[in-house]
Amino acid sequence: MDNQNDFGQRQKIQGNWKCSKCGKEITELPFEPDGDRPLFCRDCYRQNRDDRPRRDF
């Protein structure tokens, strides 16, 4: 029962990667990287997300 995931919690992938923007070390990701797309640390991801223009529907 110790290793069961609770609903709403994602499994983390452990590894050693570098942020494509700032070079900071990344040791955990909520997905398996495919090698084709850049990886961003938490800070750079938030900055990129906040810098994108919002869509008006």
PDB file of N, CA and C in Angstrom:
ATOM      1  N   MET A   1       0.821  -1.199   0.000  1.00  0.00           N
ATOM      2  CA  MET A   1       0.000   0.000   0.000  1.00  0.00           C
ATOM      3  C   MET A   1       0.863   1.260   0.000  1.00  0.00           C
ATOM      4  N   ASP A   2       2.148   1.137   0.302  1.00  0.00           N
ATOM      5  CA  ASP A   2       3.025   2.296   0.360  1.00  0.00           C
ATOM      6  C   ASP A   2       3.316   2.896  -1.005  1.00  0.00           C
ATOM      7  N   ASN A   3       3.294   2.091  -2.071  1.00  0.00           N
ATOM      8  CA  ASN A   3       3.674   2.572  -3.387  1.00  0.00           C
ATOM      9  C   ASN A   3       2.496   2.941  -4.268  1.00  0.00           C
ATOM     10  N   GLN A   4       1.307   3.002  -3.737  1.00  0.00           N
ATOM     11  CA  GLN A   4       0.145   3.354  -4.537  1.00  0.00           C
ATOM     12  C   GLN A   4       0.110   4.852  -4.770  1.00  0.00           C
ATOM     13  N   ASN A   5      -0.249   5.231  -6.007  1.00  0.00           N
ATOM     14  CA  ASN A   5      -0.434   6.647  -6.317  1.00  0.00           C
ATOM     15  C   ASN A   5      -1.833   7.067  -5.916  1.00  0.00           C
ATOM     16  N   ASP A   6      -1.954   8.215  -5.289  1.00  0.00           N
ATOM     17  CA  ASP A   6      -3.259   8.783  -5.003  1.00  0.00           C
ATOM     18  C   ASP A   6      -3.782   9.417  -6.276  1.00  0.00           C
ATOM     19  N   PHE A   7      -5.088   9.474  -6.420  1.00  0.00           N
ATOM     20  CA  PHE A   7      -5.659  10.152  -7.569  1.00  0.00           C
ATOM     21  C   PHE A   7      -5.244  11.612  -7.533  1.00  0.00           C
ATOM     22  N   GLY A   8      -4.905  12.157  -8.695  1.00  0.00           N
ATOM     23  CA  GLY A   8      -4.507  13.552  -8.766  1.00  0.00           C
ATOM     24  C   GLY A   8      -3.012  13.767  -8.653  1.00  0.00           C
ATOM     25  N   GLN A   9      -2.247  12.765  -8.278  1.00  0.00           N
ATOM     26  CA  GLN A   9      -0.797  12.903  -8.190  1.00  0.00           C
ATOM     27  C   GLN A   9      -0.157  12.201  -9.376  1.00  0.00           C
ATOM     28  N   ARG A  10       0.706  12.928 -10.077  1.00  0.00           N
ATOM     29  CA  ARG A  10       1.409  12.352 -11.213  1.00  0.00           C
ATOM     30  C   ARG A  10       2.664  11.635 -10.752  1.00  0.00           C
ATOM     31  N   GLN A  11       2.996  10.602 -11.461  1.00  0.00           N
ATOM     32  CA  GLN A  11       4.254   9.912 -11.206  1.00  0.00           C
ATOM     33  C   GLN A  11       5.386  10.764 -11.773  1.00  0.00           C
ATOM     34  N   LYS A  12       6.467  10.890 -11.049  1.00  0.00           N
ATOM     35  CA  LYS A  12       7.619  11.681 -11.480  1.00  0.00           C
ATOM     36  C   LYS A  12       8.660  10.766 -12.109  1.00  0.00           C
ATOM     37  N   ILE A  13       9.270  11.247 -13.181  1.00  0.00           N
ATOM     38  CA  ILE A  13      10.353  10.537 -13.854  1.00  0.00           C
ATOM     39  C   ILE A  13      11.665  11.107 -13.333  1.00  0.00           C
ATOM     40  N   GLN A  14      12.528  10.252 -12.817  1.00  0.00           N
ATOM     41  CA  GLN A  14      13.823  10.668 -12.279  1.00  0.00           C
ATOM     42  C   GLN A  14      14.870  10.609 -13.385  1.00  0.00           C
ATOM     43  N   GLY A  15      15.771  11.582 -13.408  1.00  0.00           N
ATOM     44  CA  GLY A  15      16.844  11.591 -14.396  1.00  0.00           C
ATOM     45  C   GLY A  15      17.737  12.800 -14.207  1.00  0.00           C
ATOM     46  N   ASN A  16      18.627  13.013 -15.142  1.00  0.00           N
ATOM     47  CA  ASN A  16      19.531  14.163 -15.117  1.00  0.00           C
ATOM     48  C   ASN A  16      19.450  14.882 -16.454  1.00  0.00           C
ATOM     49  N   TRP A  17      18.829  16.067 -16.438  1.00  0.00           N
ATOM     50  CA  TRP A  17      18.680  16.877 -17.634  1.00  0.00           C
ATOM     51  C   TRP A  17      19.093  18.298 -17.300  1.00  0.00           C
ATOM     52  N   LYS A  18      19.255  19.114 -18.319  1.00  0.00           N
ATOM     53  CA  LYS A  18      19.562  20.535 -18.150  1.00  0.00           C
ATOM     54  C   LYS A  18      18.452  21.348 -18.797  1.00  0.00           C
ATOM     55  N   CYS A  19      18.099  22.461 -18.173  1.00  0.00           N
ATOM     56  CA  CYS A  19      17.119  23.384 -18.728  1.00  0.00           C
ATOM     57  C   CYS A  19      17.666  23.937 -20.044  1.00  0.00           C
ATOM     58  N   SER A  20      16.847  23.929 -21.075  1.00  0.00           N
ATOM     59  CA  SER A  20      17.260  24.413 -22.394  1.00  0.00           C
ATOM     60  C   SER A  20      17.469  25.918 -22.419  1.00  0.00           C
ATOM     61  N   LYS A  21      16.897  26.624 -21.459  1.00  0.00           N
ATOM     62  CA  LYS A  21      17.004  28.086 -21.454  1.00  0.00           C
ATOM     63  C   LYS A  21      18.130  28.583 -20.552  1.00  0.00           C
ATOM     64  N   CYS A  22      18.180  28.128 -19.297  1.00  0.00           N
ATOM     65  CA  CYS A  22      19.145  28.679 -18.338  1.00  0.00           C
ATOM     66  C   CYS A  22      20.255  27.702 -17.951  1.00  0.00           C
ATOM     67  N   GLY A  23      20.109  26.423 -18.301  1.00  0.00           N
ATOM     68  CA  GLY A  23      21.135  25.436 -17.986  1.00  0.00           C
ATOM     69  C   GLY A  23      21.043  24.826 -16.598  1.00  0.00           C
ATOM     70  N   LYS A  24      20.023  25.203 -15.837  1.00  0.00           N
ATOM     71  CA  LYS A  24      19.844  24.651 -14.491  1.00  0.00           C
ATOM     72  C   LYS A  24      19.585  23.146 -14.566  1.00  0.00           C
ATOM     73  N   GLU A  25      20.093  22.413 -13.570  1.00  0.00           N
ATOM     74  CA  GLU A  25      19.907  20.965 -13.531  1.00  0.00           C
ATOM     75  C   GLU A  25      18.456  20.625 -13.206  1.00  0.00           C
ATOM     76  N   ILE A  26      17.910  19.663 -13.935  1.00  0.00           N
ATOM     77  CA  ILE A  26      16.556  19.153 -13.709  1.00  0.00           C
ATOM     78  C   ILE A  26      16.701  17.679 -13.347  1.00  0.00           C
ATOM     79  N   THR A  27      16.137  17.275 -12.217  1.00  0.00           N
ATOM     80  CA  THR A  27      16.259  15.881 -11.780  1.00  0.00           C
ATOM     81  C   THR A  27      14.929  15.140 -11.758  1.00  0.00           C
ATOM     82  N   GLU A  28      13.806  15.864 -11.886  1.00  0.00           N
ATOM     83  CA  GLU A  28      12.475  15.253 -11.871  1.00  0.00           C
ATOM     84  C   GLU A  28      11.601  15.912 -12.912  1.00  0.00           C
ATOM     85  N   LEU A  29      10.858  15.094 -13.647  1.00  0.00           N
ATOM     86  CA  LEU A  29       9.894  15.606 -14.618  1.00  0.00           C
ATOM     87  C   LEU A  29       8.582  14.855 -14.450  1.00  0.00           C
ATOM     88  N   PRO A  30       7.446  15.512 -14.753  1.00  0.00           N
ATOM     89  CA  PRO A  30       6.155  14.829 -14.655  1.00  0.00           C
ATOM     90  C   PRO A  30       5.821  14.037 -15.924  1.00  0.00           C
ATOM     91  N   PHE A  31       6.798  13.875 -16.836  1.00  0.00           N
ATOM     92  CA  PHE A  31       6.589  13.149 -18.089  1.00  0.00           C
ATOM     93  C   PHE A  31       7.929  12.584 -18.552  1.00  0.00           C
ATOM     94  N   GLU A  32       7.871  11.643 -19.475  1.00  0.00           N
ATOM     95  CA  GLU A  32       9.078  11.069 -20.076  1.00  0.00           C
ATOM     96  C   GLU A  32       9.485  11.962 -21.250  1.00  0.00           C
ATOM     97  N   PRO A  33      10.660  12.599 -21.204  1.00  0.00           N
ATOM     98  CA  PRO A  33      11.065  13.476 -22.302  1.00  0.00           C
ATOM     99  C   PRO A  33      11.315  12.675 -23.581  1.00  0.00           C
ATOM    100  N   ASP A  34      10.964  13.278 -24.733  1.00  0.00           N
ATOM    101  CA  ASP A  34      11.118  12.569 -26.001  1.00  0.00           C
ATOM    102  C   ASP A  34      12.410  12.921 -26.732  1.00  0.00           C
ATOM    103  N   GLY A  35      13.133  13.932 -26.251  1.00  0.00           N
ATOM    104  CA  GLY A  35      14.386  14.317 -26.883  1.00  0.00           C
ATOM    105  C   GLY A  35      14.228  15.268 -28.052  1.00  0.00           C
ATOM    106  N   ASP A  36      13.004  15.465 -28.532  1.00  0.00           N
ATOM    107  CA  ASP A  36      12.756  16.358 -29.662  1.00  0.00           C
ATOM    108  C   ASP A  36      12.416  17.777 -29.231  1.00  0.00           C
ATOM    109  N   ARG A  37      11.851  17.913 -28.064  1.00  0.00           N
ATOM    110  CA  ARG A  37      11.421  19.228 -27.586  1.00  0.00           C
ATOM    111  C   ARG A  37      12.323  19.700 -26.455  1.00  0.00           C
ATOM    112  N   PRO A  38      12.452  21.029 -26.288  1.00  0.00           N
ATOM    113  CA  PRO A  38      13.290  21.550 -25.206  1.00  0.00           C
ATOM    114  C   PRO A  38      12.668  21.259 -23.840  1.00  0.00           C
ATOM    115  N   LEU A  39      13.527  21.163 -22.832  1.00  0.00           N
ATOM    116  CA  LEU A  39      13.089  20.986 -21.447  1.00  0.00           C
ATOM    117  C   LEU A  39      13.366  22.272 -20.690  1.00  0.00           C
ATOM    118  N   PHE A  40      12.432  22.667 -19.837  1.00  0.00           N
ATOM    119  CA  PHE A  40      12.581  23.886 -19.059  1.00  0.00           C
ATOM    120  C   PHE A  40      12.458  23.582 -17.575  1.00  0.00           C
ATOM    121  N   CYS A  41      13.280  24.263 -16.759  1.00  0.00           N
ATOM    122  CA  CYS A  41      13.130  24.176 -15.311  1.00  0.00           C
ATOM    123  C   CYS A  41      11.822  24.866 -14.930  1.00  0.00           C
ATOM    124  N   ARG A  42      11.443  24.731 -13.702  1.00  0.00           N
ATOM    125  CA  ARG A  42      10.169  25.295 -13.238  1.00  0.00           C
ATOM    126  C   ARG A  42      10.092  26.806 -13.458  1.00  0.00           C
ATOM    127  N   ASP A  43      11.188  27.510 -13.148  1.00  0.00           N
ATOM    128  CA  ASP A  43      11.189  28.966 -13.285  1.00  0.00           C
ATOM    129  C   ASP A  43      11.065  29.399 -14.743  1.00  0.00           C
ATOM    130  N   CYS A  44      11.838  28.775 -15.631  1.00  0.00           N
ATOM    131  CA  CYS A  44      11.788  29.135 -17.052  1.00  0.00           C
ATOM    132  C   CYS A  44      10.451  28.740 -17.670  1.00  0.00           C
ATOM    133  N   TYR A  45       9.889  27.613 -17.251  1.00  0.00           N
ATOM    134  CA  TYR A  45       8.581  27.195 -17.752  1.00  0.00           C
ATOM    135  C   TYR A  45       7.517  28.234 -17.395  1.00  0.00           C
ATOM    136  N   ARG A  46       7.535  28.677 -16.155  1.00  0.00           N
ATOM    137  CA  ARG A  46       6.564  29.697 -15.723  1.00  0.00           C
ATOM    138  C   ARG A  46       6.749  30.992 -16.495  1.00  0.00           C
ATOM    139  N   GLN A  47       8.001  31.395 -16.689  1.00  0.00           N
ATOM    140  CA  GLN A  47       8.276  32.626 -17.424  1.00  0.00           C
ATOM    141  C   GLN A  47       7.787  32.503 -18.869  1.00  0.00           C
ATOM    142  N   ASN A  48       8.054  31.386 -19.521  1.00  0.00           N
ATOM    143  CA  ASN A  48       7.584  31.174 -20.895  1.00  0.00           C
ATOM    144  C   ASN A  48       6.067  31.170 -20.956  1.00  0.00           C
ATOM    145  N   ARG A  49       5.428  30.526 -19.985  1.00  0.00           N
ATOM    146  CA  ARG A  49       3.970  30.457 -19.949  1.00  0.00           C
ATOM    147  C   ARG A  49       3.372  31.849 -19.767  1.00  0.00           C
ATOM    148  N   ASP A  50       3.971  32.645 -18.891  1.00  0.00           N
ATOM    149  CA  ASP A  50       3.444  33.981 -18.618  1.00  0.00           C
ATOM    150  C   ASP A  50       3.712  34.958 -19.756  1.00  0.00           C
ATOM    151  N   ASP A  51       4.762  34.709 -20.555  1.00  0.00           N
ATOM    152  CA  ASP A  51       5.115  35.602 -21.660  1.00  0.00           C
ATOM    153  C   ASP A  51       4.275  35.367 -22.909  1.00  0.00           C
ATOM    154  N   ARG A  52       3.614  34.224 -22.996  1.00  0.00           N
ATOM    155  CA  ARG A  52       2.814  33.924 -24.191  1.00  0.00           C
ATOM    156  C   ARG A  52       1.576  34.809 -24.224  1.00  0.00           C
ATOM    157  N   PRO A  53       1.212  35.266 -25.424  1.00  0.00           N
ATOM    158  CA  PRO A  53      -0.027  36.049 -25.520  1.00  0.00           C
ATOM    159  C   PRO A  53      -1.238  35.159 -25.247  1.00  0.00           C
ATOM    160  N   ARG A  54      -2.203  35.726 -24.567  1.00  0.00           N
ATOM    161  CA  ARG A  54      -3.421  34.977 -24.262  1.00  0.00           C
ATOM    162  C   ARG A  54      -4.342  34.993 -25.476  1.00  0.00           C
ATOM    163  N   ARG A  55      -5.055  33.890 -25.642  1.00  0.00           N
ATOM    164  CA  ARG A  55      -6.042  33.824 -26.720  1.00  0.00           C
ATOM    165  C   ARG A  55      -7.361  34.387 -26.225  1.00  0.00           C
ATOM    166  N   ASP A  56      -7.995  35.158 -27.066  1.00  0.00           N
ATOM    167  CA  ASP A  56      -9.346  35.636 -26.769  1.00  0.00           C
ATOM    168  C   ASP A  56     -10.325  34.808 -27.584  1.00  0.00           C
ATOM    169  N   PHE A  57     -11.254  34.153 -26.906  1.00  0.00           N
ATOM    170  CA  PHE A  57     -12.215  33.309 -27.603  1.00  0.00           C
ATOM    171  C   PHE A  57     -13.485  34.052 -27.843  1.00  0.00           C
TER     172      PHE A  57
END
